[in-house]
Amino acid sequence: MSVPDESPEPEPDPPGAPHGPADANPDDGVSEGAPSDGAGPDGDGGADAAGSGRDPAREPRSISEAVETAATLAALSTVFGAILFYFGWSRSSTTFGYFGIGQDLLDLSFRDYVLRSANATFRPLLTALAVAFAAISLHRWQIRDRQSHPAVWIGVVVAGGLALAAAALGFFDWYHYRTNWPMVPLLALCGSILLAYGIWLRERRSPAADDGKPRGALRLLVVAVLTLTSFWTIAGYSQMVGLEAGRDLARNLQHLPAVTVGSATRLDLDGPGVTVQEDPRQEAAYHYSYSGLRLLIRSGGRYFLVPDGWRRGEDQVFIVTDTGDIGIKIGLG
């Protein structure tokens, strides 16, 4: 006699329940052994991108960073070129102004001004870079502790205020600094930097929420003041260097190139040390030959000459144009 099977019958699955791998949700992933879209055995889809270590989201950012770096370098080059031009212009104006020659007569190019400023700006630029490096190092050490001692920012602000006060004394002629250095603009620049940095340290030490202060306008004002005092300092330093160069030229005229001017007609070239020789021959190209002249500068086809014994305030500077009836010979002193 057979025994009936008393095992419970399997309960029917509820409606909508998955019935094996074939009914799996396609959004839950890819079933084992089934290649994904575009990532088969020979495909180069997401698996290859992950394996190569490339981040598609990083590539646009790298391009933008490269463009930003290039723009920054271009801006710095423009600023550096403008500083060299301004320095060369101011220095040349003072140097040749010592001899009574104005900038409107020189007709120098942008390249001429930059080249004339290269040697004179080498030392101050190195000094400025060294000071900036030291200041950045001190700044990095200072900002490690947000709650630094209040004496730090107070001392910086006081130092900046004293520098500005010293600059004001010289600006209003209440005190005369016994040096050729441009102390007034230099003190104004240093004082402005210290004062702005001290205020920044104070705000960083106790940051507050936006209290409605026009911070954008304040930053713009600080940038404008620093730019103005920077160019003021550059102008003062370039004028000091230019004046020293003019005095040095006047003291050492014998080191300038010697010039002989030949002319078919008599010229008004006269001064201490100038001699003239006359050649009465008809076949002579130049009947008058002037020597005892020194070349200050050649610009725009014109020669600026001074006599061997030139004295400031007493003798003239001669401007000779190279034309067909004038011959100019230049030699060593």
C-alpha atoms as a PDB file:
ATOM      1  CA  MET A   1       0.000   0.000   0.000  1.00  0.00           C
ATOM      2  CA  SER A   2       1.397   3.348  -1.024  1.00  0.00           C
ATOM      3  CA  VAL A   3       1.878   6.200   1.378  1.00  0.00           C
ATOM      4  CA  PRO A   4       0.538   9.559   0.175  1.00  0.00           C
ATOM      5  CA  ASP A   5       3.019  12.426  -0.197  1.00  0.00           C
ATOM      6  CA  GLU A   6       2.256  14.803   2.661  1.00  0.00           C
ATOM      7  CA  SER A   7       4.918  17.402   1.839  1.00  0.00           C
ATOM      8  CA  PRO A   8       3.448  20.900   1.551  1.00  0.00           C
ATOM      9  CA  GLU A   9       2.877  22.208  -1.860  1.00  0.00           C
ATOM     10  CA  PRO A  10       4.920  25.268  -2.826  1.00  0.00           C
ATOM     11  CA  GLU A  11       3.047  28.464  -2.361  1.00  0.00           C
ATOM     12  CA  PRO A  12       2.400  30.396  -5.525  1.00  0.00           C
ATOM     13  CA  ASP A  13       4.551  33.435  -6.003  1.00  0.00           C
ATOM     14  CA  PRO A  14       2.846  36.770  -5.487  1.00  0.00           C
ATOM     15  CA  PRO A  15       1.906  38.667  -8.577  1.00  0.00           C
ATOM     16  CA  GLY A  16       4.752  40.687 -10.080  1.00  0.00           C
ATOM     17  CA  ALA A  17       7.465  38.760  -8.284  1.00  0.00           C
ATOM     18  CA  PRO A  18      10.569  38.000 -10.373  1.00  0.00           C
ATOM     19  CA  HIS A  19      10.850  34.445 -11.628  1.00  0.00           C
ATOM     20  CA  GLY A  20      14.577  33.892 -11.955  1.00  0.00           C
ATOM     21  CA  PRO A  21      17.387  35.594 -13.755  1.00  0.00           C
ATOM     22  CA  ALA A  22      15.398  36.189 -16.875  1.00  0.00           C
ATOM     23  CA  ASP A  23      12.948  38.380 -14.968  1.00  0.00           C
ATOM     24  CA  ALA A  24      15.589  40.437 -13.117  1.00  0.00           C
ATOM     25  CA  ASN A  25      15.282  44.178 -13.209  1.00  0.00           C
ATOM     26  CA  PRO A  26      17.502  45.458 -16.040  1.00  0.00           C
ATOM     27  CA  ASP A  27      18.333  48.523 -13.957  1.00  0.00           C
ATOM     28  CA  ASP A  28      19.937  46.394 -11.230  1.00  0.00           C
ATOM     29  CA  GLY A  29      22.972  45.595 -13.345  1.00  0.00           C
ATOM     30  CA  VAL A  30      24.082  43.207 -16.020  1.00  0.00           C
ATOM     31  CA  SER A  31      23.639  39.498 -15.565  1.00  0.00           C
ATOM     32  CA  GLU A  32      26.765  37.389 -15.278  1.00  0.00           C
ATOM     33  CA  GLY A  33      28.310  36.491 -18.575  1.00  0.00           C
ATOM     34  CA  ALA A  34      26.381  39.078 -20.546  1.00  0.00           C
ATOM     35  CA  PRO A  35      28.596  41.787 -22.004  1.00  0.00           C
ATOM     36  CA  SER A  36      27.601  45.363 -21.277  1.00  0.00           C
ATOM     37  CA  ASP A  37      26.909  47.926 -23.992  1.00  0.00           C
ATOM     38  CA  GLY A  38      30.113  48.937 -25.751  1.00  0.00           C
ATOM     39  CA  ALA A  39      32.248  47.012 -23.233  1.00  0.00           C
ATOM     40  CA  GLY A  40      32.514  43.584 -24.784  1.00  0.00           C
ATOM     41  CA  PRO A  41      35.682  41.527 -24.937  1.00  0.00           C
ATOM     42  CA  ASP A  42      37.131  43.778 -27.616  1.00  0.00           C
ATOM     43  CA  GLY A  43      35.320  47.002 -26.689  1.00  0.00           C
ATOM     44  CA  ASP A  44      36.841  50.172 -25.298  1.00  0.00           C
ATOM     45  CA  GLY A  45      34.066  51.506 -23.136  1.00  0.00           C
ATOM     46  CA  GLY A  46      33.860  52.350 -19.445  1.00  0.00           C
ATOM     47  CA  ALA A  47      36.147  49.496 -18.342  1.00  0.00           C
ATOM     48  CA  ASP A  48      39.006  50.822 -20.527  1.00  0.00           C
ATOM     49  CA  ALA A  49      38.441  54.388 -19.327  1.00  0.00           C
ATOM     50  CA  ALA A  50      38.633  53.246 -15.726  1.00  0.00           C
ATOM     51  CA  GLY A  51      41.654  51.095 -16.429  1.00  0.00           C
ATOM     52  CA  SER A  52      43.538  53.933 -18.125  1.00  0.00           C
ATOM     53  CA  GLY A  53      43.075  56.215 -15.120  1.00  0.00           C
ATOM     54  CA  ARG A  54      41.512  59.058 -17.106  1.00  0.00           C
ATOM     55  CA  ASP A  55      38.920  61.241 -15.465  1.00  0.00           C
ATOM     56  CA  PRO A  56      36.630  62.782 -18.094  1.00  0.00           C
ATOM     57  CA  ALA A  57      35.476  65.413 -15.595  1.00  0.00           C
ATOM     58  CA  ARG A  58      39.087  66.408 -14.903  1.00  0.00           C
ATOM     59  CA  GLU A  59      40.016  67.175 -18.524  1.00  0.00           C
ATOM     60  CA  PRO A  60      37.920  70.390 -18.888  1.00  0.00           C
ATOM     61  CA  ARG A  61      39.247  71.576 -15.556  1.00  0.00           C
ATOM     62  CA  SER A  62      42.843  70.999 -16.681  1.00  0.00           C
ATOM     63  CA  ILE A  63      42.209  72.988 -19.850  1.00  0.00           C
ATOM     64  CA  SER A  64      40.698  75.864 -17.896  1.00  0.00           C
ATOM     65  CA  GLU A  65      43.643  75.832 -15.481  1.00  0.00           C
ATOM     66  CA  ALA A  66      46.093  75.931 -18.390  1.00  0.00           C
ATOM     67  CA  VAL A  67      44.228  78.854 -19.948  1.00  0.00           C
ATOM     68  CA  GLU A  68      44.155  80.662 -16.604  1.00  0.00           C
ATOM     69  CA  THR A  69      47.899  80.113 -16.124  1.00  0.00           C
ATOM     70  CA  ALA A  70      48.637  81.414 -19.619  1.00  0.00           C
ATOM     71  CA  ALA A  71      46.463  84.471 -19.008  1.00  0.00           C
ATOM     72  CA  THR A  72      48.248  85.139 -15.703  1.00  0.00           C
ATOM     73  CA  LEU A  73      51.668  84.886 -17.342  1.00  0.00           C
ATOM     74  CA  ALA A  74      50.549  87.212 -20.133  1.00  0.00           C
ATOM     75  CA  ALA A  75      49.260  89.742 -17.605  1.00  0.00           C
ATOM     76  CA  LEU A  76      52.494  89.587 -15.599  1.00  0.00           C
ATOM     77  CA  SER A  77      54.541  90.039 -18.781  1.00  0.00           C
ATOM     78  CA  THR A  78      52.458  93.068 -19.708  1.00  0.00           C
ATOM     79  CA  VAL A  79      52.888  94.608 -16.270  1.00  0.00           C
ATOM     80  CA  PHE A  80      56.628  93.882 -16.294  1.00  0.00           C
ATOM     81  CA  GLY A  81      56.997  95.442 -19.745  1.00  0.00           C
ATOM     82  CA  ALA A  82      55.042  98.505 -18.656  1.00  0.00           C
ATOM     83  CA  ILE A  83      57.294  98.912 -15.602  1.00  0.00           C
ATOM     84  CA  LEU A  84      60.446  98.638 -17.737  1.00  0.00           C
ATOM     85  CA  PHE A  85      59.088 101.151 -20.244  1.00  0.00           C
ATOM     86  CA  TYR A  86      58.062 103.627 -17.571  1.00  0.00           C
ATOM     87  CA  PHE A  87      61.375 103.244 -15.769  1.00  0.00           C
ATOM     88  CA  GLY A  88      63.339 103.736 -19.013  1.00  0.00           C
ATOM     89  CA  TRP A  89      61.248 106.752 -19.994  1.00  0.00           C
ATOM     90  CA  SER A  90      61.648 108.432 -16.600  1.00  0.00           C
ATOM     91  CA  ARG A  91      65.369 107.645 -16.394  1.00  0.00           C
ATOM     92  CA  SER A  92      66.096 108.915 -19.917  1.00  0.00           C
ATOM     93  CA  SER A  93      64.054 112.046 -19.302  1.00  0.00           C
ATOM     94  CA  THR A  94      66.143 112.880 -16.222  1.00  0.00           C
ATOM     95  CA  THR A  95      69.500 111.893 -17.731  1.00  0.00           C
ATOM     96  CA  PHE A  96      69.212 113.941 -20.898  1.00  0.00           C
ATOM     97  CA  GLY A  97      67.227 116.638 -19.139  1.00  0.00           C
ATOM     98  CA  TYR A  98      70.422 117.280 -17.193  1.00  0.00           C
ATOM     99  CA  PHE A  99      71.867 118.497 -20.531  1.00  0.00           C
ATOM    100  CA  GLY A 100      68.738 120.445 -21.441  1.00  0.00           C
ATOM    101  CA  ILE A 101      67.373 117.870 -23.912  1.00  0.00           C
ATOM    102  CA  GLY A 102      63.631 117.236 -23.705  1.00  0.00           C
ATOM    103  CA  GLN A 103      61.875 113.953 -24.396  1.00  0.00           C
ATOM    104  CA  ASP A 104      60.105 115.477 -27.396  1.00  0.00           C
ATOM    105  CA  LEU A 105      63.489 115.865 -29.099  1.00  0.00           C
ATOM    106  CA  LEU A 106      64.794 112.369 -28.422  1.00  0.00           C
ATOM    107  CA  ASP A 107      62.141 110.368 -30.322  1.00  0.00           C
ATOM    108  CA  LEU A 108      63.082 107.068 -28.659  1.00  0.00           C
ATOM    109  CA  SER A 109      61.095 103.875 -29.271  1.00  0.00           C
ATOM    110  CA  PHE A 110      59.540 101.433 -26.810  1.00  0.00           C
ATOM    111  CA  ARG A 111      62.465  99.070 -27.382  1.00  0.00           C
ATOM    112  CA  ASP A 112      64.976 101.839 -26.641  1.00  0.00           C
ATOM    113  CA  TYR A 113      63.349 102.660 -23.316  1.00  0.00           C
ATOM    114  CA  VAL A 114      63.154  98.997 -22.262  1.00  0.00           C
ATOM    115  CA  LEU A 115      66.791  98.313 -23.153  1.00  0.00           C
ATOM    116  CA  ARG A 116      67.954 101.432 -21.336  1.00  0.00           C
ATOM    117  CA  SER A 117      66.150 100.342 -18.181  1.00  0.00           C
ATOM    118  CA  ALA A 118      67.303  96.699 -18.127  1.00  0.00           C
ATOM    119  CA  ASN A 119      70.617  97.190 -16.316  1.00  0.00           C
ATOM    120  CA  ALA A 120      69.295  99.784 -13.885  1.00  0.00           C
ATOM    121  CA  THR A 121      66.303  97.662 -12.813  1.00  0.00           C
ATOM    122  CA  PHE A 122      68.197  94.395 -12.277  1.00  0.00           C
ATOM    123  CA  ARG A 123      69.332  95.152  -8.715  1.00  0.00           C
ATOM    124  CA  PRO A 124      66.082  96.667  -7.370  1.00  0.00           C
ATOM    125  CA  LEU A 125      64.037  93.824  -8.880  1.00  0.00           C
ATOM    126  CA  LEU A 126      66.227  91.212  -7.189  1.00  0.00           C
ATOM    127  CA  THR A 127      65.907  93.115  -3.919  1.00  0.00           C
ATOM    128  CA  ALA A 128      62.120  93.334  -4.291  1.00  0.00           C
ATOM    129  CA  LEU A 129      61.905  89.590  -5.013  1.00  0.00           C
ATOM    130  CA  ALA A 130      64.008  88.768  -1.957  1.00  0.00           C
ATOM    131  CA  VAL A 131      61.837  90.977   0.261  1.00  0.00           C
ATOM    132  CA  ALA A 132      58.669  89.435  -1.213  1.00  0.00           C
ATOM    133  CA  PHE A 133      59.992  85.908  -0.583  1.00  0.00           C
ATOM    134  CA  ALA A 134      60.781  86.763   3.037  1.00  0.00           C
ATOM    135  CA  ALA A 135      57.378  88.402   3.492  1.00  0.00           C
ATOM    136  CA  ILE A 136      55.564  85.372   2.054  1.00  0.00           C
ATOM    137  CA  SER A 137      57.521  83.054   4.361  1.00  0.00           C
ATOM    138  CA  LEU A 138      56.595  85.148   7.402  1.00  0.00           C
ATOM    139  CA  HIS A 139      52.985  85.263   6.229  1.00  0.00           C
ATOM    140  CA  ARG A 140      52.787  81.464   5.910  1.00  0.00           C
ATOM    141  CA  TRP A 141      54.238  81.095   9.384  1.00  0.00           C
ATOM    142  CA  GLN A 142      51.814  83.656  10.770  1.00  0.00           C
ATOM    143  CA  ILE A 143      48.580  82.217   9.345  1.00  0.00           C
ATOM    144  CA  ARG A 144      49.154  78.752  10.802  1.00  0.00           C
ATOM    145  CA  ASP A 145      47.387  79.858  13.961  1.00  0.00           C
ATOM    146  CA  ARG A 146      44.154  81.749  13.407  1.00  0.00           C
ATOM    147  CA  GLN A 147      44.051  82.847  17.031  1.00  0.00           C
ATOM    148  CA  SER A 148      47.500  84.431  17.025  1.00  0.00           C
ATOM    149  CA  HIS A 149      48.435  86.989  19.640  1.00  0.00           C
ATOM    150  CA  PRO A 150      46.741  90.360  19.023  1.00  0.00           C
ATOM    151  CA  ALA A 151      50.095  92.099  19.431  1.00  0.00           C
ATOM    152  CA  VAL A 152      51.022  90.856  15.947  1.00  0.00           C
ATOM    153  CA  TRP A 153      48.369  92.704  13.982  1.00  0.00           C
ATOM    154  CA  ILE A 154      48.562  95.696  16.334  1.00  0.00           C
ATOM    155  CA  GLY A 155      52.308  95.966  15.746  1.00  0.00           C
ATOM    156  CA  VAL A 156      51.875  95.690  11.977  1.00  0.00           C
ATOM    157  CA  VAL A 157      49.212  98.407  11.941  1.00  0.00           C
ATOM    158  CA  VAL A 158      51.311 100.700  14.147  1.00  0.00           C
ATOM    159  CA  ALA A 159      54.368 100.201  11.921  1.00  0.00           C
ATOM    160  CA  GLY A 160      52.301 101.004   8.844  1.00  0.00           C
ATOM    161  CA  GLY A 161      50.868 104.105  10.457  1.00  0.00           C
ATOM    162  CA  LEU A 162      54.335 105.352  11.475  1.00  0.00           C
ATOM    163  CA  ALA A 163      55.637 104.820   7.931  1.00  0.00           C
ATOM    164  CA  LEU A 164      52.726 106.774   6.478  1.00  0.00           C
ATOM    165  CA  ALA A 165      53.282 109.554   9.016  1.00  0.00           C
ATOM    166  CA  ALA A 166      56.960 109.736   8.037  1.00  0.00           C
ATOM    167  CA  ALA A 167      55.946 109.907   4.376  1.00  0.00           C
ATOM    168  CA  ALA A 168      53.547 112.750   5.155  1.00  0.00           C
ATOM    169  CA  LEU A 169      56.330 114.702   6.880  1.00  0.00           C
ATOM    170  CA  GLY A 170      58.437 114.591   3.757  1.00  0.00           C
ATOM    171  CA  PHE A 171      55.530 115.149   1.379  1.00  0.00           C
ATOM    172  CA  PHE A 172      54.510 118.399   3.062  1.00  0.00           C
ATOM    173  CA  ASP A 173      58.162 119.544   3.405  1.00  0.00           C
ATOM    174  CA  TRP A 174      58.003 119.411   7.195  1.00  0.00           C
ATOM    175  CA  TYR A 175      61.138 117.274   7.152  1.00  0.00           C
ATOM    176  CA  HIS A 176      63.862 116.829   4.524  1.00  0.00           C
ATOM    177  CA  TYR A 177      65.464 113.415   4.212  1.00  0.00           C
ATOM    178  CA  ARG A 178      69.191 113.742   3.594  1.00  0.00           C
ATOM    179  CA  THR A 179      69.430 111.095   0.923  1.00  0.00           C
ATOM    180  CA  ASN A 180      68.928 110.826  -2.817  1.00  0.00           C
ATOM    181  CA  TRP A 181      66.643 107.856  -2.389  1.00  0.00           C
ATOM    182  CA  PRO A 182      62.909 108.500  -2.923  1.00  0.00           C
ATOM    183  CA  MET A 183      62.058 108.159   0.757  1.00  0.00           C
ATOM    184  CA  VAL A 184      58.590 109.707   0.594  1.00  0.00           C
ATOM    185  CA  PRO A 185      57.075 107.332  -1.989  1.00  0.00           C
ATOM    186  CA  LEU A 186      59.006 104.382  -0.546  1.00  0.00           C
ATOM    187  CA  LEU A 187      57.655 105.046   2.952  1.00  0.00           C
ATOM    188  CA  ALA A 188      54.164 105.564   1.547  1.00  0.00           C
ATOM    189  CA  LEU A 189      54.336 102.217  -0.268  1.00  0.00           C
ATOM    190  CA  CYS A 190      55.644 100.277   2.728  1.00  0.00           C
ATOM    191  CA  GLY A 191      53.185 101.965   5.070  1.00  0.00           C
ATOM    192  CA  SER A 192      50.234 101.162   2.820  1.00  0.00           C
ATOM    193  CA  ILE A 193      51.257  97.507   2.560  1.00  0.00           C
ATOM    194  CA  LEU A 194      51.749  97.134   6.315  1.00  0.00           C
ATOM    195  CA  LEU A 195      48.506  98.913   7.170  1.00  0.00           C
ATOM    196  CA  ALA A 196      46.449  96.818   4.739  1.00  0.00           C
ATOM    197  CA  TYR A 197      48.084  93.597   5.944  1.00  0.00           C
ATOM    198  CA  GLY A 198      47.519  94.463   9.604  1.00  0.00           C
ATOM    199  CA  ILE A 199      43.833  95.127   9.002  1.00  0.00           C
ATOM    200  CA  TRP A 200      43.575  91.801   7.148  1.00  0.00           C
ATOM    201  CA  LEU A 201      45.170  89.994  10.098  1.00  0.00           C
ATOM    202  CA  ARG A 202      42.683  91.630  12.454  1.00  0.00           C
ATOM    203  CA  GLU A 203      39.702  90.545  10.365  1.00  0.00           C
ATOM    204  CA  ARG A 204      41.088  87.019   9.985  1.00  0.00           C
ATOM    205  CA  ARG A 205      41.649  86.668  13.714  1.00  0.00           C
ATOM    206  CA  SER A 206      37.979  87.313  14.482  1.00  0.00           C
ATOM    207  CA  PRO A 207      36.006  86.583  11.298  1.00  0.00           C
ATOM    208  CA  ALA A 208      32.460  87.834  11.324  1.00  0.00           C
ATOM    209  CA  ALA A 209      29.520  87.327   9.067  1.00  0.00           C
ATOM    210  CA  ASP A 210      28.786  89.714   6.280  1.00  0.00           C
ATOM    211  CA  ASP A 211      28.008  92.918   8.104  1.00  0.00           C
ATOM    212  CA  GLY A 212      27.186  94.971   5.056  1.00  0.00           C
ATOM    213  CA  LYS A 213      30.646  96.529   4.683  1.00  0.00           C
ATOM    214  CA  PRO A 214      31.556  97.399   1.110  1.00  0.00           C
ATOM    215  CA  ARG A 215      34.504  94.979   1.016  1.00  0.00           C
ATOM    216  CA  GLY A 216      34.736  95.104  -2.770  1.00  0.00           C
ATOM    217  CA  ALA A 217      35.158  98.873  -2.709  1.00  0.00           C
ATOM    218  CA  LEU A 218      37.737  98.619   0.070  1.00  0.00           C
ATOM    219  CA  ARG A 219      39.771  96.070  -1.875  1.00  0.00           C
ATOM    220  CA  LEU A 220      39.617  98.272  -4.949  1.00  0.00           C
ATOM    221  CA  LEU A 221      40.790 101.235  -2.909  1.00  0.00           C
ATOM    222  CA  VAL A 222      43.712  99.248  -1.484  1.00  0.00           C
ATOM    223  CA  VAL A 223      44.760  98.087  -4.974  1.00  0.00           C
ATOM    224  CA  ALA A 224      44.542 101.645  -6.305  1.00  0.00           C
ATOM    225  CA  VAL A 225      46.664 103.030  -3.445  1.00  0.00           C
ATOM    226  CA  LEU A 226      49.295 100.296  -3.823  1.00  0.00           C
ATOM    227  CA  THR A 227      49.458 100.802  -7.586  1.00  0.00           C
ATOM    228  CA  LEU A 228      49.813 104.566  -7.226  1.00  0.00           C
ATOM    229  CA  THR A 229      52.526 104.361  -4.570  1.00  0.00           C
ATOM    230  CA  SER A 230      54.363 101.655  -6.539  1.00  0.00           C
ATOM    231  CA  PHE A 231      54.628 103.787  -9.666  1.00  0.00           C
ATOM    232  CA  TRP A 232      55.469 106.794  -7.511  1.00  0.00           C
ATOM    233  CA  THR A 233      58.365 104.825  -6.019  1.00  0.00           C
ATOM    234  CA  ILE A 234      59.499 103.639  -9.460  1.00  0.00           C
ATOM    235  CA  ALA A 235      59.422 107.204 -10.760  1.00  0.00           C
ATOM    236  CA  GLY A 236      61.439 108.500  -7.818  1.00  0.00           C
ATOM    237  CA  TYR A 237      64.037 105.755  -8.096  1.00  0.00           C
ATOM    238  CA  SER A 238      64.367 106.121 -11.865  1.00  0.00           C
ATOM    239  CA  GLN A 239      64.821 109.880 -11.524  1.00  0.00           C
ATOM    240  CA  MET A 240      67.530 109.325  -8.926  1.00  0.00           C
ATOM    241  CA  VAL A 241      69.332 106.856 -11.191  1.00  0.00           C
ATOM    242  CA  GLY A 242      68.866 109.137 -14.212  1.00  0.00           C
ATOM    243  CA  LEU A 243      70.270 112.156 -12.394  1.00  0.00           C
ATOM    244  CA  GLU A 244      73.316 110.185 -11.296  1.00  0.00           C
ATOM    245  CA  ALA A 245      73.800 108.977 -14.866  1.00  0.00           C
ATOM    246  CA  GLY A 246      73.592 112.539 -16.225  1.00  0.00           C
ATOM    247  CA  ARG A 247      76.140 113.811 -13.716  1.00  0.00           C
ATOM    248  CA  ASP A 248      78.434 110.891 -14.489  1.00  0.00           C
ATOM    249  CA  LEU A 249      78.257 111.642 -18.221  1.00  0.00           C
ATOM    250  CA  ALA A 250      79.091 115.297 -17.615  1.00  0.00           C
ATOM    251  CA  ARG A 251      82.095 114.375 -15.455  1.00  0.00           C
ATOM    252  CA  ASN A 252      83.438 111.835 -17.949  1.00  0.00           C
ATOM    253  CA  LEU A 253      82.846 113.350 -21.372  1.00  0.00           C
ATOM    254  CA  GLN A 254      86.216 112.018 -22.512  1.00  0.00           C
ATOM    255  CA  HIS A 255      84.787 108.508 -22.408  1.00  0.00           C
ATOM    256  CA  LEU A 256      82.062 109.351 -24.936  1.00  0.00           C
ATOM    257  CA  PRO A 257      82.639 108.724 -28.678  1.00  0.00           C
ATOM    258  CA  ALA A 258      84.562 111.515 -30.408  1.00  0.00           C
ATOM    259  CA  VAL A 259      82.784 113.110 -33.363  1.00  0.00           C
ATOM    260  CA  THR A 260      84.116 115.035 -36.369  1.00  0.00           C
ATOM    261  CA  VAL A 261      81.561 116.951 -38.417  1.00  0.00           C
ATOM    262  CA  GLY A 262      82.323 117.891 -42.019  1.00  0.00           C
ATOM    263  CA  SER A 263      80.175 120.472 -43.819  1.00  0.00           C
ATOM    264  CA  ALA A 264      80.124 122.277 -47.134  1.00  0.00           C
ATOM    265  CA  THR A 265      79.051 125.468 -45.346  1.00  0.00           C
ATOM    266  CA  ARG A 266      79.992 127.020 -42.044  1.00  0.00           C
ATOM    267  CA  LEU A 267      78.056 125.717 -39.031  1.00  0.00           C
ATOM    268  CA  ASP A 268      77.379 127.343 -35.711  1.00  0.00           C
ATOM    269  CA  LEU A 269      79.374 124.805 -33.716  1.00  0.00           C
ATOM    270  CA  ASP A 270      81.325 126.608 -31.061  1.00  0.00           C
ATOM    271  CA  GLY A 271      82.309 125.851 -27.503  1.00  0.00           C
ATOM    272  CA  PRO A 272      85.205 124.984 -25.208  1.00  0.00           C
ATOM    273  CA  GLY A 273      87.446 122.490 -26.966  1.00  0.00           C
ATOM    274  CA  VAL A 274      85.812 122.765 -30.421  1.00  0.00           C
ATOM    275  CA  THR A 275      88.185 123.447 -33.310  1.00  0.00           C
ATOM    276  CA  VAL A 276      87.424 124.108 -36.975  1.00  0.00           C
ATOM    277  CA  GLN A 277      89.629 123.489 -40.000  1.00  0.00           C
ATOM    278  CA  GLU A 278      88.876 125.119 -43.349  1.00  0.00           C
ATOM    279  CA  ASP A 279      89.665 123.521 -46.702  1.00  0.00           C
ATOM    280  CA  PRO A 280      89.466 126.142 -49.501  1.00  0.00           C
ATOM    281  CA  ARG A 281      89.886 123.671 -52.343  1.00  0.00           C
ATOM    282  CA  GLN A 282      87.033 123.669 -54.814  1.00  0.00           C
ATOM    283  CA  GLU A 283      87.099 119.894 -55.202  1.00  0.00           C
ATOM    284  CA  ALA A 284      86.822 119.306 -51.453  1.00  0.00           C
ATOM    285  CA  ALA A 285      83.599 117.626 -50.392  1.00  0.00           C
ATOM    286  CA  TYR A 286      83.565 119.461 -47.059  1.00  0.00           C
ATOM    287  CA  HIS A 287      85.136 122.891 -46.714  1.00  0.00           C
ATOM    288  CA  TYR A 288      84.751 122.973 -42.924  1.00  0.00           C
ATOM    289  CA  SER A 289      85.690 120.262 -40.453  1.00  0.00           C
ATOM    290  CA  TYR A 290      84.705 120.531 -36.782  1.00  0.00           C
ATOM    291  CA  SER A 291      86.361 118.404 -34.082  1.00  0.00           C
ATOM    292  CA  GLY A 292      86.404 118.434 -30.292  1.00  0.00           C
ATOM    293  CA  LEU A 293      82.804 117.171 -30.071  1.00  0.00           C
ATOM    294  CA  ARG A 294      81.322 114.247 -28.134  1.00  0.00           C
ATOM    295  CA  LEU A 295      78.290 112.144 -28.955  1.00  0.00           C
ATOM    296  CA  LEU A 296      75.633 112.010 -26.254  1.00  0.00           C
ATOM    297  CA  ILE A 297      73.030 110.022 -28.164  1.00  0.00           C
ATOM    298  CA  ARG A 298      71.823 109.368 -31.692  1.00  0.00           C
ATOM    299  CA  SER A 299      68.073 109.254 -32.208  1.00  0.00           C
ATOM    300  CA  GLY A 300      65.805 109.638 -35.213  1.00  0.00           C
ATOM    301  CA  GLY A 301      68.668 110.427 -37.618  1.00  0.00           C
ATOM    302  CA  ARG A 302      69.898 113.249 -35.375  1.00  0.00           C
ATOM    303  CA  TYR A 303      73.139 113.471 -33.438  1.00  0.00           C
ATOM    304  CA  PHE A 304      73.191 115.207 -30.062  1.00  0.00           C
ATOM    305  CA  LEU A 305      76.705 116.599 -29.569  1.00  0.00           C
ATOM    306  CA  VAL A 306      78.451 118.469 -26.754  1.00  0.00           C
ATOM    307  CA  PRO A 307      81.844 120.196 -26.732  1.00  0.00           C
ATOM    308  CA  ASP A 308      84.773 118.514 -24.985  1.00  0.00           C
ATOM    309  CA  GLY A 309      84.675 121.141 -22.236  1.00  0.00           C
ATOM    310  CA  TRP A 310      80.894 121.311 -21.846  1.00  0.00           C
ATOM    311  CA  ARG A 311      79.670 123.011 -18.661  1.00  0.00           C
ATOM    312  CA  ARG A 312      76.108 122.754 -17.427  1.00  0.00           C
ATOM    313  CA  GLY A 313      74.243 126.023 -17.615  1.00  0.00           C
ATOM    314  CA  GLU A 314      76.901 127.678 -19.744  1.00  0.00           C
ATOM    315  CA  ASP A 315      77.397 125.650 -22.943  1.00  0.00           C
ATOM    316  CA  GLN A 316      74.995 124.359 -25.536  1.00  0.00           C
ATOM    317  CA  VAL A 317      74.094 120.944 -26.897  1.00  0.00           C
ATOM    318  CA  PHE A 318      74.276 120.768 -30.712  1.00  0.00           C
ATOM    319  CA  ILE A 319      71.770 118.820 -32.785  1.00  0.00           C
ATOM    320  CA  VAL A 320      73.199 117.800 -36.153  1.00  0.00           C
ATOM    321  CA  THR A 321      71.067 116.071 -38.777  1.00  0.00           C
ATOM    322  CA  ASP A 322      72.770 113.641 -41.116  1.00  0.00           C
ATOM    323  CA  THR A 323      72.048 115.158 -44.552  1.00  0.00           C
ATOM    324  CA  GLY A 324      73.779 115.063 -47.903  1.00  0.00           C
ATOM    325  CA  ASP A 325      75.953 118.131 -47.322  1.00  0.00           C
ATOM    326  CA  ILE A 326      77.067 117.052 -43.840  1.00  0.00           C
ATOM    327  CA  GLY A 327      79.394 114.181 -43.019  1.00  0.00           C
ATOM    328  CA  ILE A 328      79.818 112.729 -39.541  1.00  0.00           C
ATOM    329  CA  LYS A 329      82.745 110.632 -38.409  1.00  0.00           C
ATOM    330  CA  ILE A 330      82.575 108.828 -35.066  1.00  0.00           C
ATOM    331  CA  GLY A 331      85.645 107.410 -33.348  1.00  0.00           C
ATOM    332  CA  LEU A 332      86.938 106.401 -29.965  1.00  0.00           C
ATOM    333  CA  GLY A 333      87.706 109.031 -27.378  1.00  0.00           C
END
